[in-house]
Amino acid sequence: MSKGIQLKANNNIVYSCKYHVVWCPKYRRKVLVNAVVDRLKQLVEQKALDVRADIIEMEVMPDHVPLLVEIDPQFGIHKLVKLIKGYSSRILRQEFKHLKSRLPSLWTNSYFVATVGGAPLAIVKQYIENQTKV
């Protein structure tokens, strides 16, 4: 594999699982502004730290949150996103009353996720194909 890939490990596996994740407020409302932005970043970083996920990059736009994160595949990206969205929604709606009055819930149920990083698919495919030739 490529020399540039940084690997992580748990008791069972060695991995490099990076994901690009994007989620939006309900109705794509532009409510992620001002003090909400800073507090949301703190909450996302705290929840990621709790489950040993690494936030590689994060931005908060008024109507969506793009995130680049690495997480243990045994924990799972779906579980991480669900935890972050649930935790941040609860705290933000407690601390910023206007979020509670304007929206029935802070986040939509859906999100976008794509894997990123590593070698191109053709290289990985060739690597696997060549295993029997070694």
N, C-alpha and C. Protein backbone atom coordinates (compact mmCIF):
# COMPACT_ATOMS: atom_id res chain seq x y z
N MET A 1 0.84 -1.18 0.00
CA MET A 1 0.00 0.00 0.00
C MET A 1 0.89 1.25 0.00
N SER A 2 0.27 2.38 -0.13
CA SER A 2 0.97 3.65 -0.23
C SER A 2 1.68 3.99 1.08
N LYS A 3 2.86 4.60 0.96
CA LYS A 3 3.62 5.00 2.15
C LYS A 3 2.98 6.16 2.88
N GLY A 4 2.13 6.94 2.19
CA GLY A 4 1.54 8.13 2.78
C GLY A 4 0.34 7.86 3.69
N ILE A 5 -0.16 6.65 3.69
CA ILE A 5 -1.34 6.34 4.50
C ILE A 5 -0.94 6.12 5.95
N GLN A 6 -1.60 6.84 6.85
CA GLN A 6 -1.38 6.65 8.28
C GLN A 6 -2.39 5.62 8.78
N LEU A 7 -1.90 4.58 9.39
CA LEU A 7 -2.77 3.51 9.86
C LEU A 7 -3.05 3.65 11.35
N LYS A 8 -4.22 3.20 11.74
CA LYS A 8 -4.61 3.16 13.15
C LYS A 8 -4.90 1.72 13.48
N ALA A 9 -5.02 1.42 14.77
CA ALA A 9 -5.30 0.05 15.16
C ALA A 9 -6.12 0.00 16.43
N ASN A 10 -6.91 -1.06 16.55
CA ASN A 10 -7.56 -1.38 17.81
C ASN A 10 -7.11 -2.79 18.17
N ASN A 11 -7.76 -3.47 19.05
CA ASN A 11 -7.32 -4.81 19.44
C ASN A 11 -7.43 -5.83 18.31
N ASN A 12 -8.30 -5.59 17.33
CA ASN A 12 -8.58 -6.59 16.32
C ASN A 12 -8.13 -6.24 14.91
N ILE A 13 -8.08 -4.96 14.58
CA ILE A 13 -7.83 -4.59 13.19
C ILE A 13 -6.90 -3.39 13.08
N VAL A 14 -6.27 -3.31 11.93
CA VAL A 14 -5.50 -2.13 11.54
C VAL A 14 -6.33 -1.47 10.44
N TYR A 15 -6.51 -0.16 10.49
CA TYR A 15 -7.40 0.48 9.55
C TYR A 15 -6.97 1.89 9.19
N SER A 16 -7.55 2.38 8.12
CA SER A 16 -7.50 3.77 7.69
C SER A 16 -8.84 4.05 7.04
N CYS A 17 -9.81 4.51 7.83
CA CYS A 17 -11.18 4.74 7.35
C CYS A 17 -11.55 6.20 7.55
N LYS A 18 -11.45 6.94 6.46
CA LYS A 18 -11.78 8.36 6.49
C LYS A 18 -13.07 8.58 5.70
N TYR A 19 -13.93 9.44 6.24
CA TYR A 19 -15.23 9.67 5.64
C TYR A 19 -15.50 11.16 5.48
N HIS A 20 -16.11 11.49 4.36
CA HIS A 20 -16.64 12.84 4.14
C HIS A 20 -18.12 12.75 4.46
N VAL A 21 -18.57 13.53 5.45
CA VAL A 21 -19.95 13.48 5.91
C VAL A 21 -20.54 14.90 5.81
N VAL A 22 -21.78 14.98 5.37
CA VAL A 22 -22.48 16.27 5.33
C VAL A 22 -23.91 16.05 5.83
N TRP A 23 -24.35 16.92 6.74
CA TRP A 23 -25.74 16.89 7.17
C TRP A 23 -26.26 18.31 7.28
N CYS A 24 -27.59 18.43 7.29
CA CYS A 24 -28.24 19.75 7.21
C CYS A 24 -29.28 19.92 8.31
N PRO A 25 -29.54 21.18 8.66
CA PRO A 25 -30.67 21.45 9.55
C PRO A 25 -31.99 21.13 8.83
N LYS A 26 -33.00 20.87 9.61
CA LYS A 26 -34.34 20.60 9.08
C LYS A 26 -34.75 21.74 8.15
N TYR A 27 -35.33 21.39 7.03
CA TYR A 27 -35.80 22.33 6.01
C TYR A 27 -34.67 23.18 5.42
N ARG A 28 -33.46 22.74 5.64
CA ARG A 28 -32.26 23.45 5.17
C ARG A 28 -32.24 24.91 5.63
N ARG A 29 -32.79 25.14 6.80
CA ARG A 29 -32.83 26.50 7.37
C ARG A 29 -31.41 26.97 7.67
N LYS A 30 -31.18 28.25 7.48
CA LYS A 30 -29.86 28.84 7.71
C LYS A 30 -29.75 29.30 9.16
N VAL A 31 -29.72 28.33 10.06
CA VAL A 31 -29.71 28.63 11.50
C VAL A 31 -28.34 28.43 12.15
N LEU A 32 -27.38 27.92 11.38
CA LEU A 32 -26.05 27.67 11.94
C LEU A 32 -25.18 28.91 11.74
N VAL A 33 -25.41 29.90 12.59
CA VAL A 33 -24.74 31.19 12.49
C VAL A 33 -24.34 31.68 13.88
N ASN A 34 -23.43 32.64 13.88
CA ASN A 34 -23.00 33.33 15.10
C ASN A 34 -22.52 32.35 16.18
N ALA A 35 -23.03 32.49 17.40
CA ALA A 35 -22.55 31.67 18.52
C ALA A 35 -22.88 30.18 18.34
N VAL A 36 -23.89 29.86 17.55
CA VAL A 36 -24.26 28.47 17.31
C VAL A 36 -23.10 27.73 16.63
N VAL A 37 -22.40 28.41 15.73
CA VAL A 37 -21.28 27.81 15.00
C VAL A 37 -20.20 27.33 15.96
N ASP A 38 -19.75 28.21 16.83
CA ASP A 38 -18.68 27.86 17.77
C ASP A 38 -19.10 26.74 18.72
N ARG A 39 -20.33 26.82 19.20
CA ARG A 39 -20.81 25.80 20.14
C ARG A 39 -20.97 24.45 19.44
N LEU A 40 -21.46 24.46 18.20
CA LEU A 40 -21.60 23.21 17.45
C LEU A 40 -20.24 22.56 17.24
N LYS A 41 -19.24 23.35 16.87
CA LYS A 41 -17.89 22.80 16.69
C LYS A 41 -17.38 22.15 17.97
N GLN A 42 -17.60 22.82 19.11
CA GLN A 42 -17.19 22.25 20.40
C GLN A 42 -17.89 20.92 20.67
N LEU A 43 -19.19 20.87 20.40
CA LEU A 43 -19.96 19.66 20.67
C LEU A 43 -19.54 18.50 19.77
N VAL A 44 -19.29 18.78 18.50
CA VAL A 44 -18.85 17.74 17.56
C VAL A 44 -17.48 17.21 17.99
N GLU A 45 -16.57 18.12 18.32
CA GLU A 45 -15.24 17.70 18.76
C GLU A 45 -15.30 16.88 20.04
N GLN A 46 -16.15 17.27 20.98
CA GLN A 46 -16.29 16.54 22.24
C GLN A 46 -16.82 15.13 22.01
N LYS A 47 -17.85 15.00 21.20
CA LYS A 47 -18.43 13.67 20.96
C LYS A 47 -17.45 12.80 20.20
N ALA A 48 -16.71 13.38 19.26
CA ALA A 48 -15.69 12.62 18.52
C ALA A 48 -14.60 12.13 19.48
N LEU A 49 -14.18 12.99 20.38
CA LEU A 49 -13.17 12.62 21.37
C LEU A 49 -13.68 11.47 22.25
N ASP A 50 -14.95 11.54 22.65
CA ASP A 50 -15.55 10.50 23.50
C ASP A 50 -15.46 9.11 22.87
N VAL A 51 -15.59 9.04 21.54
CA VAL A 51 -15.60 7.73 20.86
C VAL A 51 -14.31 7.48 20.07
N ARG A 52 -13.30 8.28 20.33
CA ARG A 52 -11.98 8.15 19.71
C ARG A 52 -12.01 8.27 18.18
N ALA A 53 -12.83 9.18 17.70
CA ALA A 53 -12.83 9.53 16.27
C ALA A 53 -11.95 10.76 16.10
N ASP A 54 -11.32 10.87 14.95
CA ASP A 54 -10.47 12.03 14.67
C ASP A 54 -11.16 12.95 13.67
N ILE A 55 -11.40 14.19 14.09
CA ILE A 55 -11.93 15.19 13.17
C ILE A 55 -10.74 15.74 12.40
N ILE A 56 -10.71 15.48 11.11
CA ILE A 56 -9.61 15.94 10.26
C ILE A 56 -9.89 17.36 9.79
N GLU A 57 -11.13 17.61 9.43
CA GLU A 57 -11.54 18.94 8.97
C GLU A 57 -13.03 19.10 9.26
N MET A 58 -13.41 20.31 9.64
CA MET A 58 -14.82 20.60 9.89
C MET A 58 -15.10 22.05 9.58
N GLU A 59 -16.21 22.29 8.92
CA GLU A 59 -16.72 23.64 8.70
C GLU A 59 -18.18 23.63 9.11
N VAL A 60 -18.68 24.78 9.45
CA VAL A 60 -20.10 24.92 9.71
C VAL A 60 -20.60 26.05 8.83
N MET A 61 -21.43 25.68 7.87
CA MET A 61 -22.05 26.65 6.97
C MET A 61 -23.44 26.95 7.52
N PRO A 62 -24.06 28.06 7.14
CA PRO A 62 -25.37 28.39 7.71
C PRO A 62 -26.42 27.28 7.55
N ASP A 63 -26.32 26.49 6.45
CA ASP A 63 -27.35 25.48 6.20
C ASP A 63 -26.82 24.05 6.04
N HIS A 64 -25.56 23.81 6.38
CA HIS A 64 -25.05 22.44 6.36
C HIS A 64 -23.70 22.35 7.08
N VAL A 65 -23.35 21.12 7.46
CA VAL A 65 -22.10 20.86 8.16
C VAL A 65 -21.30 19.83 7.37
N PRO A 66 -20.20 20.23 6.71
CA PRO A 66 -19.31 19.26 6.09
C PRO A 66 -18.21 18.86 7.07
N LEU A 67 -17.94 17.57 7.12
CA LEU A 67 -17.01 17.03 8.10
C LEU A 67 -16.14 15.97 7.44
N LEU A 68 -14.85 15.99 7.73
CA LEU A 68 -13.94 14.93 7.32
C LEU A 68 -13.47 14.27 8.60
N VAL A 69 -13.76 12.98 8.75
CA VAL A 69 -13.54 12.30 10.02
C VAL A 69 -12.97 10.90 9.78
N GLU A 70 -12.16 10.45 10.73
CA GLU A 70 -11.68 9.06 10.71
C GLU A 70 -12.22 8.36 11.94
N ILE A 71 -12.78 7.17 11.72
CA ILE A 71 -13.40 6.42 12.82
C ILE A 71 -13.09 4.93 12.65
N ASP A 72 -12.96 4.25 13.76
CA ASP A 72 -12.77 2.80 13.78
C ASP A 72 -13.95 2.15 13.06
N PRO A 73 -13.71 1.32 12.05
CA PRO A 73 -14.81 0.71 11.30
C PRO A 73 -15.68 -0.21 12.16
N GLN A 74 -15.15 -0.73 13.27
CA GLN A 74 -15.97 -1.55 14.15
C GLN A 74 -16.97 -0.69 14.92
N PHE A 75 -16.66 0.58 15.11
CA PHE A 75 -17.62 1.50 15.73
C PHE A 75 -18.66 1.89 14.69
N GLY A 76 -18.18 2.31 13.53
CA GLY A 76 -19.07 2.61 12.41
C GLY A 76 -19.40 4.07 12.24
N ILE A 77 -19.43 4.49 10.99
CA ILE A 77 -19.71 5.89 10.67
C ILE A 77 -21.17 6.23 10.98
N HIS A 78 -22.08 5.31 10.74
CA HIS A 78 -23.50 5.59 11.02
C HIS A 78 -23.72 5.88 12.50
N LYS A 79 -23.10 5.09 13.34
CA LYS A 79 -23.24 5.28 14.79
C LYS A 79 -22.66 6.63 15.21
N LEU A 80 -21.50 6.99 14.64
CA LEU A 80 -20.88 8.28 14.95
C LEU A 80 -21.78 9.44 14.55
N VAL A 81 -22.29 9.42 13.33
CA VAL A 81 -23.14 10.51 12.85
C VAL A 81 -24.40 10.61 13.71
N LYS A 82 -24.99 9.48 14.02
CA LYS A 82 -26.20 9.47 14.86
C LYS A 82 -25.91 10.08 16.24
N LEU A 83 -24.78 9.72 16.84
CA LEU A 83 -24.40 10.28 18.15
C LEU A 83 -24.17 11.79 18.08
N ILE A 84 -23.43 12.23 17.07
CA ILE A 84 -23.12 13.65 16.93
C ILE A 84 -24.39 14.45 16.70
N LYS A 85 -25.24 13.99 15.81
CA LYS A 85 -26.46 14.73 15.51
C LYS A 85 -27.41 14.77 16.72
N GLY A 86 -27.57 13.64 17.39
CA GLY A 86 -28.46 13.60 18.55
C GLY A 86 -27.97 14.46 19.69
N TYR A 87 -26.69 14.33 20.01
CA TYR A 87 -26.08 15.08 21.11
C TYR A 87 -26.11 16.59 20.81
N SER A 88 -25.67 16.97 19.62
CA SER A 88 -25.60 18.40 19.30
C SER A 88 -27.00 19.02 19.22
N SER A 89 -27.97 18.28 18.70
CA SER A 89 -29.33 18.81 18.63
C SER A 89 -29.88 19.09 20.02
N ARG A 90 -29.71 18.13 20.91
CA ARG A 90 -30.24 18.28 22.27
C ARG A 90 -29.62 19.49 22.97
N ILE A 91 -28.29 19.59 22.94
CA ILE A 91 -27.60 20.68 23.65
C ILE A 91 -27.88 22.04 22.99
N LEU A 92 -27.78 22.11 21.68
CA LEU A 92 -28.00 23.40 21.00
C LEU A 92 -29.41 23.91 21.20
N ARG A 93 -30.39 23.02 21.18
CA ARG A 93 -31.77 23.45 21.37
C ARG A 93 -32.04 23.87 22.82
N GLN A 94 -31.27 23.32 23.76
CA GLN A 94 -31.38 23.77 25.15
C GLN A 94 -30.75 25.15 25.33
N GLU A 95 -29.61 25.36 24.70
CA GLU A 95 -28.84 26.59 24.90
C GLU A 95 -29.30 27.76 24.01
N PHE A 96 -29.87 27.46 22.86
CA PHE A 96 -30.31 28.49 21.92
C PHE A 96 -31.80 28.30 21.66
N LYS A 97 -32.60 29.01 22.44
CA LYS A 97 -34.06 28.82 22.41
C LYS A 97 -34.67 29.07 21.03
N HIS A 98 -34.06 29.95 20.23
CA HIS A 98 -34.62 30.22 18.90
C HIS A 98 -34.59 28.98 18.01
N LEU A 99 -33.68 28.05 18.26
CA LEU A 99 -33.63 26.81 17.48
C LEU A 99 -34.82 25.92 17.82
N LYS A 100 -35.25 25.98 19.06
CA LYS A 100 -36.39 25.17 19.50
C LYS A 100 -37.70 25.72 18.94
N SER A 101 -37.82 27.03 18.87
CA SER A 101 -39.07 27.64 18.42
C SER A 101 -39.22 27.60 16.89
N ARG A 102 -38.11 27.59 16.17
CA ARG A 102 -38.18 27.65 14.70
C ARG A 102 -38.25 26.28 14.04
N LEU A 103 -37.80 25.23 14.73
CA LEU A 103 -37.70 23.91 14.11
C LEU A 103 -38.25 22.81 15.02
N PRO A 104 -38.97 21.83 14.45
CA PRO A 104 -39.46 20.72 15.27
C PRO A 104 -38.31 19.83 15.76
N SER A 105 -37.26 19.74 14.96
CA SER A 105 -36.01 19.08 15.36
C SER A 105 -34.90 19.82 14.62
N LEU A 106 -33.69 19.77 15.15
CA LEU A 106 -32.63 20.57 14.53
C LEU A 106 -32.18 19.98 13.19
N TRP A 107 -31.93 18.68 13.15
CA TRP A 107 -31.34 18.06 11.96
C TRP A 107 -32.37 17.26 11.17
N THR A 108 -32.11 17.13 9.87
CA THR A 108 -32.89 16.19 9.05
C THR A 108 -32.49 14.78 9.47
N ASN A 109 -33.27 13.80 9.09
CA ASN A 109 -32.93 12.40 9.40
C ASN A 109 -31.82 11.88 8.50
N SER A 110 -31.60 12.51 7.38
CA SER A 110 -30.64 12.01 6.40
C SER A 110 -29.29 12.70 6.50
N TYR A 111 -28.30 12.11 5.82
CA TYR A 111 -26.98 12.70 5.69
C TYR A 111 -26.28 12.08 4.50
N PHE A 112 -25.21 12.72 4.05
CA PHE A 112 -24.37 12.20 2.98
C PHE A 112 -23.10 11.64 3.59
N VAL A 113 -22.62 10.50 3.09
CA VAL A 113 -21.33 9.98 3.52
C VAL A 113 -20.63 9.32 2.33
N ALA A 114 -19.33 9.55 2.23
CA ALA A 114 -18.49 8.92 1.21
C ALA A 114 -17.14 8.61 1.83
N THR A 115 -16.57 7.49 1.45
CA THR A 115 -15.22 7.17 1.91
C THR A 115 -14.23 7.99 1.11
N VAL A 116 -13.11 8.33 1.74
CA VAL A 116 -12.06 9.10 1.06
C VAL A 116 -10.70 8.55 1.44
N GLY A 117 -9.70 8.96 0.69
CA GLY A 117 -8.33 8.60 1.02
C GLY A 117 -7.93 7.24 0.48
N GLY A 118 -6.70 6.88 0.75
CA GLY A 118 -6.20 5.59 0.31
C GLY A 118 -5.83 5.60 -1.15
N ALA A 119 -5.52 4.43 -1.66
CA ALA A 119 -5.10 4.28 -3.05
C ALA A 119 -6.31 4.28 -3.98
N PRO A 120 -6.11 4.65 -5.24
CA PRO A 120 -7.22 4.57 -6.19
C PRO A 120 -7.72 3.13 -6.32
N LEU A 121 -9.00 2.99 -6.66
CA LEU A 121 -9.63 1.68 -6.75
C LEU A 121 -8.86 0.71 -7.64
N ALA A 122 -8.37 1.19 -8.77
CA ALA A 122 -7.64 0.32 -9.70
C ALA A 122 -6.39 -0.26 -9.05
N ILE A 123 -5.70 0.53 -8.24
CA ILE A 123 -4.48 0.07 -7.57
C ILE A 123 -4.83 -0.98 -6.52
N VAL A 124 -5.88 -0.75 -5.75
CA VAL A 124 -6.30 -1.72 -4.73
C VAL A 124 -6.72 -3.03 -5.41
N LYS A 125 -7.49 -2.90 -6.50
CA LYS A 125 -7.93 -4.08 -7.23
C LYS A 125 -6.74 -4.88 -7.75
N GLN A 126 -5.76 -4.18 -8.31
CA GLN A 126 -4.55 -4.84 -8.82
C GLN A 126 -3.77 -5.50 -7.68
N TYR A 127 -3.68 -4.83 -6.54
CA TYR A 127 -2.99 -5.37 -5.37
C TYR A 127 -3.63 -6.69 -4.93
N ILE A 128 -4.96 -6.69 -4.87
CA ILE A 128 -5.67 -7.90 -4.45
C ILE A 128 -5.49 -9.01 -5.49
N GLU A 129 -5.60 -8.66 -6.76
CA GLU A 129 -5.43 -9.64 -7.83
C GLU A 129 -4.03 -10.27 -7.80
N ASN A 130 -3.04 -9.48 -7.43
CA ASN A 130 -1.65 -9.96 -7.46
C ASN A 130 -1.27 -10.74 -6.20
N GLN A 131 -2.14 -10.82 -5.21
CA GLN A 131 -1.83 -11.56 -3.98
C GLN A 131 -1.54 -13.03 -4.26
N THR A 132 -2.24 -13.63 -5.22
CA THR A 132 -2.04 -15.06 -5.51
C THR A 132 -0.74 -15.30 -6.25
N LYS A 133 -0.11 -14.26 -6.78
CA LYS A 133 1.13 -14.39 -7.55
C LYS A 133 2.36 -14.29 -6.68
N VAL A 134 2.18 -13.94 -5.42
CA VAL A 134 3.33 -13.75 -4.52
C VAL A 134 3.84 -15.07 -4.00
